């Protein structure tokens, strides 16, 4: 796609949306649309129209909407959602909603964008793209910007890998996130508290796909786990710092909060009849102690002992990454018949 020479971005003011409202027809009736326009709509409007306003606290719903905690600092939780998105509080929003309620992300923003596009086409005859946005922070950057969580009728990513630059050099990683760039630009006119949850972006007609072709959706913007260098979150970084004996970096990471646990059991990921991991948690609050023991079945082959050594080191690494220190001596364990203790470890809060 050749870059446009100019863009026009127009905000669209809307009344408060209620559950059950037909957003596609509202868009068709409210906005003056042309073929090739991109309609950018905030996810909160979509969520309100589709009944995603729920009673409860942000903390409780963050827990419910989280499939994996990526990082935590005090009350701030960065979570992965079922959509694969990594957002603060799993995208749960308590602003611009009645007291005692919160707004959850749309169940399937790509599908909703596709439905809205189809309704606009049926109502107006116009071929437009639709982007559904949410606000997100960025690692290493202060502040927030809008990103695309749903997209239809426009490629979310332009893959330029394999092309050459002006000096004949091959592009290896260049993939402009078009949908995110449009989402950020549209937010400049939408604002956060102005009653303008919609914007129409004009000038990208060359990128709009034919009706009936939605494109890859915003899910194309979600980096695959195997390609994500930072997918394990802050704990991974702290563990790496600890292994480098980087005491300054480690000191700046907070202690566990009162309700956080250390998931030692998750380290034994592969079923093994000759290897066992036992965890005994004692005490509460600042007096908590994690007693961990790795057992090997008596008479097992040498490979089981190698695996036991690897598991012990994983336990030590995770303990260090969570800022635990050795508690001496480890609590005694009853030795089960037919098993041998490969190692006993005990940790407490630093």
C-alpha atoms as a PDB file:
ATOM      1  CA  UNK A   1       0.000   0.000   0.000  1.00  0.00           C
ATOM      2  CA  UNK A   2       1.347   3.416  -0.968  1.00  0.00           C
ATOM      3  CA  UNK A   3       1.124   5.959   1.847  1.00  0.00           C
ATOM      4  CA  UNK A   4      -1.720   8.449   1.347  1.00  0.00           C
ATOM      5  CA  UNK A   5      -0.820  12.067   0.699  1.00  0.00           C
ATOM      6  CA  UNK A   6      -3.276  13.220   3.385  1.00  0.00           C
ATOM      7  CA  UNK A   7      -5.779  11.921   5.924  1.00  0.00           C
ATOM      8  CA  UNK A   8      -9.014  13.431   7.200  1.00  0.00           C
ATOM      9  CA  UNK A   9     -10.235  12.408  10.649  1.00  0.00           C
ATOM     10  CA  UNK A  10     -13.707  13.418  11.793  1.00  0.00           C
ATOM     11  CA  UNK A  11     -15.112  12.764  15.279  1.00  0.00           C
ATOM     12  CA  UNK A  12     -18.706  11.544  15.578  1.00  0.00           C
ATOM     13  CA  UNK A  13     -20.716  12.456  18.682  1.00  0.00           C
ATOM     14  CA  UNK A  14     -23.144   9.832  19.988  1.00  0.00           C
ATOM     15  CA  UNK A  15     -25.753   9.556  22.739  1.00  0.00           C
ATOM     16  CA  UNK A  16     -25.157   7.102  25.569  1.00  0.00           C
ATOM     17  CA  UNK A  17     -25.345   3.554  24.218  1.00  0.00           C
ATOM     18  CA  UNK A  18     -27.617   0.998  25.883  1.00  0.00           C
ATOM     19  CA  UNK A  19     -27.582  -2.785  25.825  1.00  0.00           C
ATOM     20  CA  UNK A  20     -29.269  -4.052  22.687  1.00  0.00           C
ATOM     21  CA  UNK A  21     -28.619  -0.936  20.560  1.00  0.00           C
ATOM     22  CA  UNK A  22     -27.942  -1.666  16.876  1.00  0.00           C
ATOM     23  CA  UNK A  23     -24.525  -0.058  16.448  1.00  0.00           C
ATOM     24  CA  UNK A  24     -24.371  -0.670  12.721  1.00  0.00           C
ATOM     25  CA  UNK A  25     -27.594   1.231  12.075  1.00  0.00           C
ATOM     26  CA  UNK A  26     -26.595   3.981  14.515  1.00  0.00           C
ATOM     27  CA  UNK A  27     -23.373   4.413  12.567  1.00  0.00           C
ATOM     28  CA  UNK A  28     -25.183   4.470   9.256  1.00  0.00           C
ATOM     29  CA  UNK A  29     -27.671   7.065  10.543  1.00  0.00           C
ATOM     30  CA  UNK A  30     -25.137   9.282  12.338  1.00  0.00           C
ATOM     31  CA  UNK A  31     -21.976   9.349  10.241  1.00  0.00           C
ATOM     32  CA  UNK A  32     -21.641  10.553   6.666  1.00  0.00           C
ATOM     33  CA  UNK A  33     -19.696   7.725   5.067  1.00  0.00           C
ATOM     34  CA  UNK A  34     -17.949   7.242   1.751  1.00  0.00           C
ATOM     35  CA  UNK A  35     -16.469   4.168   0.129  1.00  0.00           C
ATOM     36  CA  UNK A  36     -12.967   3.663   1.480  1.00  0.00           C
ATOM     37  CA  UNK A  37     -13.593   5.221   4.902  1.00  0.00           C
ATOM     38  CA  UNK A  38     -12.367   3.577   8.107  1.00  0.00           C
ATOM     39  CA  UNK A  39     -14.847   3.700  11.000  1.00  0.00           C
ATOM     40  CA  UNK A  40     -13.007   3.624  14.326  1.00  0.00           C
ATOM     41  CA  UNK A  41     -15.108   2.824  17.389  1.00  0.00           C
ATOM     42  CA  UNK A  42     -14.052   2.459  21.005  1.00  0.00           C
ATOM     43  CA  UNK A  43     -14.540  -0.983  22.521  1.00  0.00           C
ATOM     44  CA  UNK A  44     -16.518   0.390  25.468  1.00  0.00           C
ATOM     45  CA  UNK A  45     -19.383   1.351  23.147  1.00  0.00           C
ATOM     46  CA  UNK A  46     -19.371  -2.154  21.657  1.00  0.00           C
ATOM     47  CA  UNK A  47     -19.287  -3.706  25.130  1.00  0.00           C
ATOM     48  CA  UNK A  48     -22.196  -1.594  26.372  1.00  0.00           C
ATOM     49  CA  UNK A  49     -24.323  -2.470  23.346  1.00  0.00           C
ATOM     50  CA  UNK A  50     -23.596  -6.187  23.717  1.00  0.00           C
ATOM     51  CA  UNK A  51     -24.295  -6.433  27.448  1.00  0.00           C
ATOM     52  CA  UNK A  52     -20.740  -6.515  28.748  1.00  0.00           C
ATOM     53  CA  UNK A  53     -21.447  -4.074  31.595  1.00  0.00           C
ATOM     54  CA  UNK A  54     -21.451  -6.178  34.771  1.00  0.00           C
ATOM     55  CA  UNK A  55     -21.886  -5.660  38.496  1.00  0.00           C
ATOM     56  CA  UNK A  56     -18.828  -6.048  40.701  1.00  0.00           C
ATOM     57  CA  UNK A  57     -15.395  -4.637  41.386  1.00  0.00           C
ATOM     58  CA  UNK A  58     -12.581  -4.127  38.949  1.00  0.00           C
ATOM     59  CA  UNK A  59     -10.318  -6.340  41.050  1.00  0.00           C
ATOM     60  CA  UNK A  60     -12.744  -9.259  41.054  1.00  0.00           C
ATOM     61  CA  UNK A  61     -13.449  -9.046  37.333  1.00  0.00           C
ATOM     62  CA  UNK A  62      -9.753  -8.635  36.527  1.00  0.00           C
ATOM     63  CA  UNK A  63      -9.191 -11.991  38.202  1.00  0.00           C
ATOM     64  CA  UNK A  64     -12.107 -13.530  36.304  1.00  0.00           C
ATOM     65  CA  UNK A  65     -10.969 -12.208  32.907  1.00  0.00           C
ATOM     66  CA  UNK A  66      -7.291 -13.129  33.375  1.00  0.00           C
ATOM     67  CA  UNK A  67      -5.852 -16.288  31.889  1.00  0.00           C
ATOM     68  CA  UNK A  68      -2.277 -15.423  32.929  1.00  0.00           C
ATOM     69  CA  UNK A  69      -0.720 -12.746  35.123  1.00  0.00           C
ATOM     70  CA  UNK A  70       2.203 -11.314  33.176  1.00  0.00           C
ATOM     71  CA  UNK A  71       3.374  -8.841  35.811  1.00  0.00           C
ATOM     72  CA  UNK A  72       2.214  -7.429  39.100  1.00  0.00           C
ATOM     73  CA  UNK A  73       3.340  -4.434  41.102  1.00  0.00           C
ATOM     74  CA  UNK A  74       1.318  -3.485  44.171  1.00  0.00           C
ATOM     75  CA  UNK A  75      -2.287  -3.113  42.953  1.00  0.00           C
ATOM     76  CA  UNK A  76      -1.303  -2.932  39.274  1.00  0.00           C
ATOM     77  CA  UNK A  77      -1.807  -6.190  37.389  1.00  0.00           C
ATOM     78  CA  UNK A  78      -0.816  -6.724  33.761  1.00  0.00           C
ATOM     79  CA  UNK A  79      -2.820  -9.666  32.465  1.00  0.00           C
ATOM     80  CA  UNK A  80      -3.252 -11.777  29.393  1.00  0.00           C
ATOM     81  CA  UNK A  81      -6.904 -12.144  28.410  1.00  0.00           C
ATOM     82  CA  UNK A  82      -8.656 -14.988  26.632  1.00  0.00           C
ATOM     83  CA  UNK A  83      -8.264 -12.913  23.439  1.00  0.00           C
ATOM     84  CA  UNK A  84      -4.459 -13.143  23.761  1.00  0.00           C
ATOM     85  CA  UNK A  85      -4.210  -9.426  24.575  1.00  0.00           C
ATOM     86  CA  UNK A  86      -1.861  -8.251  27.324  1.00  0.00           C
ATOM     87  CA  UNK A  87      -3.444  -5.280  29.095  1.00  0.00           C
ATOM     88  CA  UNK A  88      -3.619  -3.619  32.479  1.00  0.00           C
ATOM     89  CA  UNK A  89      -6.341  -5.277  34.580  1.00  0.00           C
ATOM     90  CA  UNK A  90      -7.227  -7.617  31.691  1.00  0.00           C
ATOM     91  CA  UNK A  91      -8.905  -4.697  29.937  1.00  0.00           C
ATOM     92  CA  UNK A  92     -11.545  -4.305  32.673  1.00  0.00           C
ATOM     93  CA  UNK A  93     -12.650  -0.649  32.792  1.00  0.00           C
ATOM     94  CA  UNK A  94     -14.400   1.163  35.635  1.00  0.00           C
ATOM     95  CA  UNK A  95     -14.622   4.597  33.964  1.00  0.00           C
ATOM     96  CA  UNK A  96     -17.704   6.046  32.243  1.00  0.00           C
ATOM     97  CA  UNK A  97     -19.930   3.363  33.738  1.00  0.00           C
ATOM     98  CA  UNK A  98     -22.411   3.529  36.669  1.00  0.00           C
ATOM     99  CA  UNK A  99     -20.974   3.094  40.205  1.00  0.00           C
ATOM    100  CA  UNK A 100     -20.718  -0.547  41.196  1.00  0.00           C
ATOM    101  CA  UNK A 101     -20.293  -1.728  37.605  1.00  0.00           C
ATOM    102  CA  UNK A 102     -17.374  -2.339  35.274  1.00  0.00           C
ATOM    103  CA  UNK A 103     -17.086  -2.806  31.511  1.00  0.00           C
ATOM    104  CA  UNK A 104     -15.502  -5.955  30.080  1.00  0.00           C
ATOM    105  CA  UNK A 105     -13.921  -6.245  26.650  1.00  0.00           C
ATOM    106  CA  UNK A 106     -16.088  -7.526  23.770  1.00  0.00           C
ATOM    107  CA  UNK A 107     -16.187 -11.309  23.576  1.00  0.00           C
ATOM    108  CA  UNK A 108     -14.953 -11.334  19.944  1.00  0.00           C
ATOM    109  CA  UNK A 109     -13.991  -7.886  18.671  1.00  0.00           C
ATOM    110  CA  UNK A 110     -12.941  -9.136  15.221  1.00  0.00           C
ATOM    111  CA  UNK A 111     -16.340 -10.758  14.675  1.00  0.00           C
ATOM    112  CA  UNK A 112     -18.103  -7.638  15.935  1.00  0.00           C
ATOM    113  CA  UNK A 113     -16.099  -5.436  13.552  1.00  0.00           C
ATOM    114  CA  UNK A 114     -17.070  -7.732  10.689  1.00  0.00           C
ATOM    115  CA  UNK A 115     -20.755  -7.601  11.679  1.00  0.00           C
ATOM    116  CA  UNK A 116     -20.707  -3.796  11.902  1.00  0.00           C
ATOM    117  CA  UNK A 117     -19.087  -3.549   8.492  1.00  0.00           C
ATOM    118  CA  UNK A 118     -21.726  -5.806   6.973  1.00  0.00           C
ATOM    119  CA  UNK A 119     -24.581  -3.801   8.517  1.00  0.00           C
ATOM    120  CA  UNK A 120     -23.149  -0.528   7.223  1.00  0.00           C
ATOM    121  CA  UNK A 121     -22.850  -2.015   3.731  1.00  0.00           C
ATOM    122  CA  UNK A 122     -26.437  -3.297   3.817  1.00  0.00           C
ATOM    123  CA  UNK A 123     -27.790   0.027   5.113  1.00  0.00           C
ATOM    124  CA  UNK A 124     -25.760   2.539   3.109  1.00  0.00           C
ATOM    125  CA  UNK A 125     -24.196   0.547   0.278  1.00  0.00           C
ATOM    126  CA  UNK A 126     -20.783   1.835   1.360  1.00  0.00           C
ATOM    127  CA  UNK A 127     -17.662  -0.312   1.562  1.00  0.00           C
ATOM    128  CA  UNK A 128     -15.877   0.790   4.728  1.00  0.00           C
ATOM    129  CA  UNK A 129     -13.450  -0.826   7.150  1.00  0.00           C
ATOM    130  CA  UNK A 130     -14.197  -1.034  10.875  1.00  0.00           C
ATOM    131  CA  UNK A 131     -11.651  -0.923  13.705  1.00  0.00           C
ATOM    132  CA  UNK A 132     -12.589  -1.497  17.356  1.00  0.00           C
ATOM    133  CA  UNK A 133     -10.090   0.035  19.782  1.00  0.00           C
ATOM    134  CA  UNK A 134      -9.005  -0.119  23.391  1.00  0.00           C
ATOM    135  CA  UNK A 135      -6.532   1.957  25.348  1.00  0.00           C
ATOM    136  CA  UNK A 136      -3.216   0.367  26.328  1.00  0.00           C
ATOM    137  CA  UNK A 137       0.072   1.310  27.906  1.00  0.00           C
ATOM    138  CA  UNK A 138       3.358   0.305  26.325  1.00  0.00           C
ATOM    139  CA  UNK A 139       6.429  -1.297  27.827  1.00  0.00           C
ATOM    140  CA  UNK A 140       9.318   1.203  28.031  1.00  0.00           C
ATOM    141  CA  UNK A 141       6.993   4.137  27.200  1.00  0.00           C
ATOM    142  CA  UNK A 142       5.067   6.541  29.437  1.00  0.00           C
ATOM    143  CA  UNK A 143       1.370   7.133  28.755  1.00  0.00           C
ATOM    144  CA  UNK A 144      -1.274   5.280  26.804  1.00  0.00           C
ATOM    145  CA  UNK A 145      -2.504   5.110  23.224  1.00  0.00           C
ATOM    146  CA  UNK A 146      -5.388   3.387  21.495  1.00  0.00           C
ATOM    147  CA  UNK A 147      -4.743   0.060  19.781  1.00  0.00           C
ATOM    148  CA  UNK A 148      -6.888  -2.133  17.535  1.00  0.00           C
ATOM    149  CA  UNK A 149      -8.504  -5.139  19.231  1.00  0.00           C
ATOM    150  CA  UNK A 150     -10.969  -5.756  16.384  1.00  0.00           C
ATOM    151  CA  UNK A 151     -10.551  -5.113  12.662  1.00  0.00           C
ATOM    152  CA  UNK A 152     -12.473  -5.902   9.475  1.00  0.00           C
ATOM    153  CA  UNK A 153     -12.001  -4.698   5.915  1.00  0.00           C
ATOM    154  CA  UNK A 154      -8.435  -3.503   6.410  1.00  0.00           C
ATOM    155  CA  UNK A 155      -5.207  -5.481   6.817  1.00  0.00           C
ATOM    156  CA  UNK A 156      -4.188  -5.035  10.461  1.00  0.00           C
ATOM    157  CA  UNK A 157      -0.522  -5.502   9.524  1.00  0.00           C
ATOM    158  CA  UNK A 158       1.366  -4.682   6.338  1.00  0.00           C
ATOM    159  CA  UNK A 159       4.116  -7.255   5.886  1.00  0.00           C
ATOM    160  CA  UNK A 160       6.997  -5.589   4.045  1.00  0.00           C
ATOM    161  CA  UNK A 161       9.547  -8.291   4.774  1.00  0.00           C
ATOM    162  CA  UNK A 162      11.427  -9.213   1.643  1.00  0.00           C
ATOM    163  CA  UNK A 163      11.028  -5.798   0.026  1.00  0.00           C
ATOM    164  CA  UNK A 164      14.074  -3.555  -0.416  1.00  0.00           C
ATOM    165  CA  UNK A 165      14.679  -0.044   0.858  1.00  0.00           C
ATOM    166  CA  UNK A 166      15.957   2.944  -1.129  1.00  0.00           C
ATOM    167  CA  UNK A 167      19.516   1.634  -0.861  1.00  0.00           C
ATOM    168  CA  UNK A 168      18.670  -1.858  -2.056  1.00  0.00           C
ATOM    169  CA  UNK A 169      18.841  -3.448   1.402  1.00  0.00           C
ATOM    170  CA  UNK A 170      16.369  -6.243   2.092  1.00  0.00           C
ATOM    171  CA  UNK A 171      13.780  -5.504   4.798  1.00  0.00           C
ATOM    172  CA  UNK A 172      13.881  -8.270   7.394  1.00  0.00           C
ATOM    173  CA  UNK A 173      11.413  -7.292  10.139  1.00  0.00           C
ATOM    174  CA  UNK A 174       9.420  -4.328   8.814  1.00  0.00           C
ATOM    175  CA  UNK A 175       5.704  -4.865   9.490  1.00  0.00           C
ATOM    176  CA  UNK A 176       3.783  -1.602  10.037  1.00  0.00           C
ATOM    177  CA  UNK A 177       0.825  -2.151  12.380  1.00  0.00           C
ATOM    178  CA  UNK A 178      -1.665  -0.251  10.221  1.00  0.00           C
ATOM    179  CA  UNK A 179      -4.718  -0.881  12.407  1.00  0.00           C
ATOM    180  CA  UNK A 180      -2.898   0.301  15.532  1.00  0.00           C
ATOM    181  CA  UNK A 181      -1.634   3.402  13.737  1.00  0.00           C
ATOM    182  CA  UNK A 182      -5.170   4.274  12.581  1.00  0.00           C
ATOM    183  CA  UNK A 183      -6.512   3.615  16.091  1.00  0.00           C
ATOM    184  CA  UNK A 184      -3.984   6.001  17.637  1.00  0.00           C
ATOM    185  CA  UNK A 185      -4.641   8.697  15.041  1.00  0.00           C
ATOM    186  CA  UNK A 186      -8.429   8.467  15.524  1.00  0.00           C
ATOM    187  CA  UNK A 187      -8.087   8.814  19.292  1.00  0.00           C
ATOM    188  CA  UNK A 188      -6.673  12.307  18.794  1.00  0.00           C
ATOM    189  CA  UNK A 189     -10.159  13.493  17.827  1.00  0.00           C
ATOM    190  CA  UNK A 190     -12.213  11.057  19.917  1.00  0.00           C
ATOM    191  CA  UNK A 191     -10.660  11.879  23.276  1.00  0.00           C
ATOM    192  CA  UNK A 192     -11.502  10.056  26.494  1.00  0.00           C
ATOM    193  CA  UNK A 193     -14.371  12.029  28.049  1.00  0.00           C
ATOM    194  CA  UNK A 194     -15.858  14.060  25.223  1.00  0.00           C
ATOM    195  CA  UNK A 195     -18.842  11.942  24.192  1.00  0.00           C
ATOM    196  CA  UNK A 196     -17.201  11.174  20.831  1.00  0.00           C
ATOM    197  CA  UNK A 197     -16.532   7.423  20.815  1.00  0.00           C
ATOM    198  CA  UNK A 198     -16.438   7.221  17.005  1.00  0.00           C
ATOM    199  CA  UNK A 199     -14.123   8.656  14.377  1.00  0.00           C
ATOM    200  CA  UNK A 200     -14.150   8.360  10.607  1.00  0.00           C
ATOM    201  CA  UNK A 201     -10.726   8.251   8.942  1.00  0.00           C
ATOM    202  CA  UNK A 202     -10.672   9.162   5.243  1.00  0.00           C
ATOM    203  CA  UNK A 203      -7.752   8.725   2.847  1.00  0.00           C
ATOM    204  CA  UNK A 204      -6.970   5.009   3.136  1.00  0.00           C
ATOM    205  CA  UNK A 205      -9.264   3.805   0.358  1.00  0.00           C
ATOM    206  CA  UNK A 206      -6.404   1.988  -1.386  1.00  0.00           C
ATOM    207  CA  UNK A 207      -6.087  -0.346   1.607  1.00  0.00           C
ATOM    208  CA  UNK A 208      -9.774  -1.216   1.997  1.00  0.00           C
ATOM    209  CA  UNK A 209     -10.622  -4.825   1.136  1.00  0.00           C
ATOM    210  CA  UNK A 210     -13.584  -5.855  -1.025  1.00  0.00           C
ATOM    211  CA  UNK A 211     -16.878  -6.516   0.724  1.00  0.00           C
ATOM    212  CA  UNK A 212     -17.000 -10.101   1.926  1.00  0.00           C
ATOM    213  CA  UNK A 213     -13.269 -10.098   2.661  1.00  0.00           C
ATOM    214  CA  UNK A 214     -12.646  -9.212   6.296  1.00  0.00           C
ATOM    215  CA  UNK A 215      -8.875  -9.732   6.326  1.00  0.00           C
ATOM    216  CA  UNK A 216      -6.900 -11.349   9.109  1.00  0.00           C
ATOM    217  CA  UNK A 217      -8.472  -9.301  11.898  1.00  0.00           C
ATOM    218  CA  UNK A 218      -6.744  -7.652  14.827  1.00  0.00           C
ATOM    219  CA  UNK A 219      -5.682 -11.060  16.087  1.00  0.00           C
ATOM    220  CA  UNK A 220      -2.883 -10.786  13.520  1.00  0.00           C
ATOM    221  CA  UNK A 221      -1.369  -8.150  15.812  1.00  0.00           C
ATOM    222  CA  UNK A 222      -1.047 -10.546  18.767  1.00  0.00           C
ATOM    223  CA  UNK A 223       2.498 -11.882  18.893  1.00  0.00           C
ATOM    224  CA  UNK A 224       2.733 -15.668  19.112  1.00  0.00           C
ATOM    225  CA  UNK A 225       3.975 -16.954  22.452  1.00  0.00           C
ATOM    226  CA  UNK A 226       7.012 -18.645  20.920  1.00  0.00           C
ATOM    227  CA  UNK A 227       8.082 -15.330  19.342  1.00  0.00           C
ATOM    228  CA  UNK A 228       7.502 -13.187  22.438  1.00  0.00           C
ATOM    229  CA  UNK A 229      10.793 -12.397  24.163  1.00  0.00           C
ATOM    230  CA  UNK A 230       8.967 -10.885  27.147  1.00  0.00           C
ATOM    231  CA  UNK A 231       5.968 -13.168  27.404  1.00  0.00           C
ATOM    232  CA  UNK A 232       6.795 -14.396  30.895  1.00  0.00           C
ATOM    233  CA  UNK A 233       6.680 -10.872  32.260  1.00  0.00           C
ATOM    234  CA  UNK A 234       8.548  -9.097  35.000  1.00  0.00           C
ATOM    235  CA  UNK A 235       9.419 -12.194  37.032  1.00  0.00           C
ATOM    236  CA  UNK A 236      11.467 -13.545  34.130  1.00  0.00           C
ATOM    237  CA  UNK A 237      13.456 -10.319  33.974  1.00  0.00           C
ATOM    238  CA  UNK A 238      14.089 -10.329  37.713  1.00  0.00           C
ATOM    239  CA  UNK A 239      15.194 -13.951  37.625  1.00  0.00           C
ATOM    240  CA  UNK A 240      17.669 -13.133  34.880  1.00  0.00           C
ATOM    241  CA  UNK A 241      18.960 -10.206  36.924  1.00  0.00           C
ATOM    242  CA  UNK A 242      19.345 -12.443  39.964  1.00  0.00           C
ATOM    243  CA  UNK A 243      21.281 -15.051  38.008  1.00  0.00           C
ATOM    244  CA  UNK A 244      23.624 -12.264  36.893  1.00  0.00           C
ATOM    245  CA  UNK A 245      24.000 -11.276  40.556  1.00  0.00           C
ATOM    246  CA  UNK A 246      22.503  -7.893  39.651  1.00  0.00           C
ATOM    247  CA  UNK A 247      21.590  -6.942  43.198  1.00  0.00           C
ATOM    248  CA  UNK A 248      20.611  -3.386  42.265  1.00  0.00           C
ATOM    249  CA  UNK A 249      17.985  -4.546  39.773  1.00  0.00           C
ATOM    250  CA  UNK A 250      16.730  -7.188  42.186  1.00  0.00           C
ATOM    251  CA  UNK A 251      16.398  -4.711  45.047  1.00  0.00           C
ATOM    252  CA  UNK A 252      14.027  -2.537  43.025  1.00  0.00           C
ATOM    253  CA  UNK A 253      11.544  -5.374  42.518  1.00  0.00           C
ATOM    254  CA  UNK A 254       8.789  -5.482  45.162  1.00  0.00           C
ATOM    255  CA  UNK A 255       8.210  -8.318  47.588  1.00  0.00           C
ATOM    256  CA  UNK A 256       5.240 -10.597  47.142  1.00  0.00           C
ATOM    257  CA  UNK A 257       1.947  -9.140  48.284  1.00  0.00           C
ATOM    258  CA  UNK A 258      -0.126 -10.798  50.995  1.00  0.00           C
ATOM    259  CA  UNK A 259      -2.203 -12.839  48.535  1.00  0.00           C
ATOM    260  CA  UNK A 260       0.529 -13.838  46.055  1.00  0.00           C
ATOM    261  CA  UNK A 261       1.868 -17.360  45.914  1.00  0.00           C
ATOM    262  CA  UNK A 262       4.863 -18.975  44.228  1.00  0.00           C
ATOM    263  CA  UNK A 263       3.707 -21.626  41.741  1.00  0.00           C
ATOM    264  CA  UNK A 264       6.388 -24.222  42.359  1.00  0.00           C
ATOM    265  CA  UNK A 265       4.045 -27.043  41.318  1.00  0.00           C
ATOM    266  CA  UNK A 266       3.907 -25.637  37.771  1.00  0.00           C
ATOM    267  CA  UNK A 267       7.598 -26.417  37.335  1.00  0.00           C
ATOM    268  CA  UNK A 268       6.953 -30.149  37.148  1.00  0.00           C
ATOM    269  CA  UNK A 269       5.299 -29.853  33.755  1.00  0.00           C
ATOM    270  CA  UNK A 270       5.981 -33.339  32.402  1.00  0.00           C
ATOM    271  CA  UNK A 271       4.377 -36.401  34.046  1.00  0.00           C
ATOM    272  CA  UNK A 272       7.150 -38.643  35.341  1.00  0.00           C
ATOM    273  CA  UNK A 273       6.590 -41.849  37.297  1.00  0.00           C
ATOM    274  CA  UNK A 274      10.151 -41.685  38.653  1.00  0.00           C
ATOM    275  CA  UNK A 275      10.106 -38.034  39.764  1.00  0.00           C
ATOM    276  CA  UNK A 276       7.901 -36.149  42.241  1.00  0.00           C
ATOM    277  CA  UNK A 277       7.718 -32.548  43.473  1.00  0.00           C
ATOM    278  CA  UNK A 278       6.143 -31.882  46.876  1.00  0.00           C
ATOM    279  CA  UNK A 279       5.360 -28.422  48.243  1.00  0.00           C
ATOM    280  CA  UNK A 280       4.287 -27.649  51.804  1.00  0.00           C
ATOM    281  CA  UNK A 281       3.256 -24.073  52.618  1.00  0.00           C
ATOM    282  CA  UNK A 282       3.438 -22.994  56.245  1.00  0.00           C
ATOM    283  CA  UNK A 283       2.565 -19.794  58.077  1.00  0.00           C
ATOM    284  CA  UNK A 284       0.827 -16.717  56.705  1.00  0.00           C
ATOM    285  CA  UNK A 285       1.559 -13.129  55.738  1.00  0.00           C
ATOM    286  CA  UNK A 286       5.182 -12.129  56.242  1.00  0.00           C
ATOM    287  CA  UNK A 287       5.852 -15.374  58.105  1.00  0.00           C
ATOM    288  CA  UNK A 288       5.155 -17.667  55.154  1.00  0.00           C
ATOM    289  CA  UNK A 289       7.588 -20.470  54.375  1.00  0.00           C
ATOM    290  CA  UNK A 290       7.639 -22.649  51.253  1.00  0.00           C
ATOM    291  CA  UNK A 291       9.073 -26.127  51.879  1.00  0.00           C
ATOM    292  CA  UNK A 292       9.905 -27.912  48.630  1.00  0.00           C
ATOM    293  CA  UNK A 293      11.191 -31.436  48.147  1.00  0.00           C
ATOM    294  CA  UNK A 294      12.152 -33.284  44.975  1.00  0.00           C
ATOM    295  CA  UNK A 295      11.885 -37.076  45.241  1.00  0.00           C
ATOM    296  CA  UNK A 296      13.228 -39.816  42.956  1.00  0.00           C
ATOM    297  CA  UNK A 297      11.839 -43.323  42.917  1.00  0.00           C
ATOM    298  CA  UNK A 298      14.263 -45.787  44.451  1.00  0.00           C
ATOM    299  CA  UNK A 299      16.100 -47.784  41.806  1.00  0.00           C
ATOM    300  CA  UNK A 300      15.361 -45.276  39.037  1.00  0.00           C
ATOM    301  CA  UNK A 301      17.866 -44.890  36.237  1.00  0.00           C
ATOM    302  CA  UNK A 302      20.412 -42.081  36.092  1.00  0.00           C
ATOM    303  CA  UNK A 303      18.205 -40.036  33.742  1.00  0.00           C
ATOM    304  CA  UNK A 304      15.699 -39.587  36.582  1.00  0.00           C
ATOM    305  CA  UNK A 305      18.423 -38.104  38.765  1.00  0.00           C
ATOM    306  CA  UNK A 306      19.456 -35.746  35.966  1.00  0.00           C
ATOM    307  CA  UNK A 307      15.827 -34.632  35.655  1.00  0.00           C
ATOM    308  CA  UNK A 308      15.662 -34.189  39.428  1.00  0.00           C
ATOM    309  CA  UNK A 309      18.700 -31.919  39.347  1.00  0.00           C
ATOM    310  CA  UNK A 310      17.112 -29.819  36.617  1.00  0.00           C
ATOM    311  CA  UNK A 311      13.887 -29.530  38.615  1.00  0.00           C
ATOM    312  CA  UNK A 312      15.785 -28.475  41.740  1.00  0.00           C
ATOM    313  CA  UNK A 313      17.541 -25.707  39.819  1.00  0.00           C
ATOM    314  CA  UNK A 314      14.259 -24.517  38.346  1.00  0.00           C
ATOM    315  CA  UNK A 315      12.859 -24.297  41.862  1.00  0.00           C
ATOM    316  CA  UNK A 316      15.869 -22.283  43.022  1.00  0.00           C
ATOM    317  CA  UNK A 317      15.571 -19.931  40.041  1.00  0.00           C
ATOM    318  CA  UNK A 318      11.881 -19.293  40.615  1.00  0.00           C
ATOM    319  CA  UNK A 319      12.459 -18.686  44.322  1.00  0.00           C
ATOM    320  CA  UNK A 320      15.164 -16.133  43.524  1.00  0.00           C
ATOM    321  CA  UNK A 321      12.955 -14.471  40.928  1.00  0.00           C
ATOM    322  CA  UNK A 322      10.262 -13.990  43.566  1.00  0.00           C
ATOM    323  CA  UNK A 323      12.752 -12.488  46.018  1.00  0.00           C
ATOM    324  CA  UNK A 324      12.628 -15.392  48.456  1.00  0.00           C
ATOM    325  CA  UNK A 325      15.577 -16.242  50.663  1.00  0.00           C
ATOM    326  CA  UNK A 326      16.622 -19.525  52.222  1.00  0.00           C
ATOM    327  CA  UNK A 327      14.877 -20.552  55.415  1.00  0.00           C
ATOM    328  CA  UNK A 328      17.031 -22.782  57.571  1.00  0.00           C
ATOM    329  CA  UNK A 329      16.685 -25.552  58.230  1.00  0.00           C
ATOM    330  CA  UNK A 330      14.195 -27.015  55.747  1.00  0.00           C
ATOM    331  CA  UNK A 331      11.221 -28.626  57.411  1.00  0.00           C
ATOM    332  CA  UNK A 332      11.566 -32.401  57.690  1.00  0.00           C
ATOM    333  CA  UNK A 333       9.531 -34.554  55.326  1.00  0.00           C
ATOM    334  CA  UNK A 334       8.346 -38.068  55.850  1.00  0.00           C
ATOM    335  CA  UNK A 335      10.237 -40.304  53.438  1.00  0.00           C
ATOM    336  CA  UNK A 336       7.762 -42.373  51.471  1.00  0.00           C
ATOM    337  CA  UNK A 337       8.469 -46.023  50.956  1.00  0.00           C
ATOM    338  CA  UNK A 338      10.241 -46.612  47.660  1.00  0.00           C
ATOM    339  CA  UNK A 339      11.333 -42.992  47.220  1.00  0.00           C
ATOM    340  CA  UNK A 340      14.567 -41.092  47.858  1.00  0.00           C
ATOM    341  CA  UNK A 341      14.774 -37.364  48.569  1.00  0.00           C
ATOM    342  CA  UNK A 342      16.960 -35.757  45.893  1.00  0.00           C
ATOM    343  CA  UNK A 343      16.883 -32.357  47.619  1.00  0.00           C
ATOM    344  CA  UNK A 344      15.009 -30.453  50.326  1.00  0.00           C
ATOM    345  CA  UNK A 345      14.638 -26.699  50.106  1.00  0.00           C
ATOM    346  CA  UNK A 346      12.889 -24.062  52.188  1.00  0.00           C
ATOM    347  CA  UNK A 347      12.337 -20.376  51.431  1.00  0.00           C
ATOM    348  CA  UNK A 348      10.783 -17.407  53.174  1.00  0.00           C
ATOM    349  CA  UNK A 349      10.065 -13.801  52.247  1.00  0.00           C
ATOM    350  CA  UNK A 350      13.144 -11.586  52.069  1.00  0.00           C
END
